[in-house]
Amino acid sequence: MTQKDTVRLTVDFPVSLHVFLKMAAAKEGVSMRAYIIESLMYKMEREDKVDLDKEAFRRELAKMTKKDAKLMKDLSDK
């Protein structure tokens, strides 16, 4: 993914829930970013709010998750 393919989205998130988000992402073995994106896409798909190209989305998610898993492993090795 290049910078042209992304947009920054800033969301105020309750401090009290941050730890739960972090634990949920760790349990799935992904970054919080990947967890949030996957959760939002799942919700939109389930509620039929958008017509997604599911195969393209899954490919991009797999690339992102693989990249995040490598980063998490590198960080845990330090």
Protein backbone atom coordinates (compact mmCIF):
# COMPACT_ATOMS: atom_id res chain seq x y z
CA MET A 1 0.00 0.00 0.00
CA THR A 2 1.35 3.42 -0.87
CA GLN A 3 0.56 6.68 0.83
CA LYS A 4 -1.72 7.56 -2.10
CA ASP A 5 -3.79 4.46 -1.29
CA THR A 6 -4.51 5.52 2.29
CA VAL A 7 -6.15 8.31 4.20
CA ARG A 8 -5.50 9.19 7.84
CA LEU A 9 -8.53 8.96 10.10
CA THR A 10 -8.28 10.30 13.63
CA VAL A 11 -10.73 8.98 16.19
CA ASP A 12 -10.98 9.95 19.86
CA PHE A 13 -11.13 6.68 21.77
CA PRO A 14 -11.90 6.32 25.49
CA VAL A 15 -8.75 5.66 27.52
CA SER A 16 -10.64 3.12 29.61
CA LEU A 17 -11.34 0.98 26.52
CA HIS A 18 -7.87 1.22 24.98
CA VAL A 19 -6.52 -1.69 27.02
CA PHE A 20 -9.39 -3.92 25.85
CA LEU A 21 -8.74 -3.01 22.23
CA LYS A 22 -5.05 -3.78 22.69
CA MET A 23 -5.82 -7.17 24.30
CA ALA A 24 -8.31 -8.11 21.58
CA ALA A 25 -5.80 -7.29 18.85
CA ALA A 26 -3.03 -9.22 20.63
CA LYS A 27 -5.33 -12.22 21.02
CA GLU A 28 -5.86 -12.19 17.25
CA GLY A 29 -2.13 -11.69 16.67
CA VAL A 30 -2.57 -8.44 14.75
CA SER A 31 -1.92 -4.77 15.35
CA MET A 32 -4.66 -2.55 16.74
CA ARG A 33 -4.81 -0.88 13.31
CA ALA A 34 -5.45 -4.20 11.54
CA TYR A 35 -7.96 -5.23 14.21
CA ILE A 36 -9.94 -2.01 13.86
CA ILE A 37 -9.97 -2.13 10.06
CA GLU A 38 -10.99 -5.80 9.99
CA SER A 39 -13.72 -5.20 12.59
CA LEU A 40 -15.17 -2.25 10.69
CA MET A 41 -15.15 -4.11 7.38
CA TYR A 42 -16.79 -7.14 9.01
CA LYS A 43 -19.52 -4.95 10.48
CA MET A 44 -20.16 -3.21 7.16
CA GLU A 45 -20.28 -6.52 5.29
CA ARG A 46 -22.59 -8.11 7.85
CA GLU A 47 -25.00 -5.19 7.81
CA ASP A 48 -24.82 -4.89 4.03
CA LYS A 49 -23.98 -1.20 4.34
CA VAL A 50 -21.57 -1.33 1.44
CA ASP A 51 -20.98 -3.61 -1.52
CA LEU A 52 -17.41 -4.77 -1.00
CA ASP A 53 -15.16 -6.63 -3.37
CA LYS A 54 -14.58 -9.26 -0.69
CA GLU A 55 -11.75 -11.04 -2.48
CA ALA A 56 -9.77 -7.83 -3.05
CA PHE A 57 -10.39 -6.80 0.55
CA ARG A 58 -9.22 -10.18 1.86
CA ARG A 59 -6.01 -9.97 -0.22
CA GLU A 60 -5.21 -6.50 1.11
CA LEU A 61 -6.05 -7.54 4.67
CA ALA A 62 -3.79 -10.60 4.37
CA LYS A 63 -0.90 -8.40 3.19
CA MET A 64 -1.48 -5.92 5.99
CA THR A 65 -1.81 -8.64 8.64
CA LYS A 66 1.37 -10.35 7.44
CA LYS A 67 3.24 -7.04 7.59
CA ASP A 68 1.85 -6.28 11.07
CA ALA A 69 2.72 -9.80 12.32
CA LYS A 70 6.34 -9.33 11.21
CA LEU A 71 6.48 -5.94 12.94
CA MET A 72 5.02 -7.37 16.15
CA LYS A 73 7.54 -10.25 16.08
CA ASP A 74 10.42 -7.83 15.49
CA LEU A 75 9.26 -5.68 18.40
CA SER A 76 8.84 -8.66 20.73
CA ASP A 77 12.36 -9.83 19.92
CA LYS A 78 13.80 -6.57 21.22
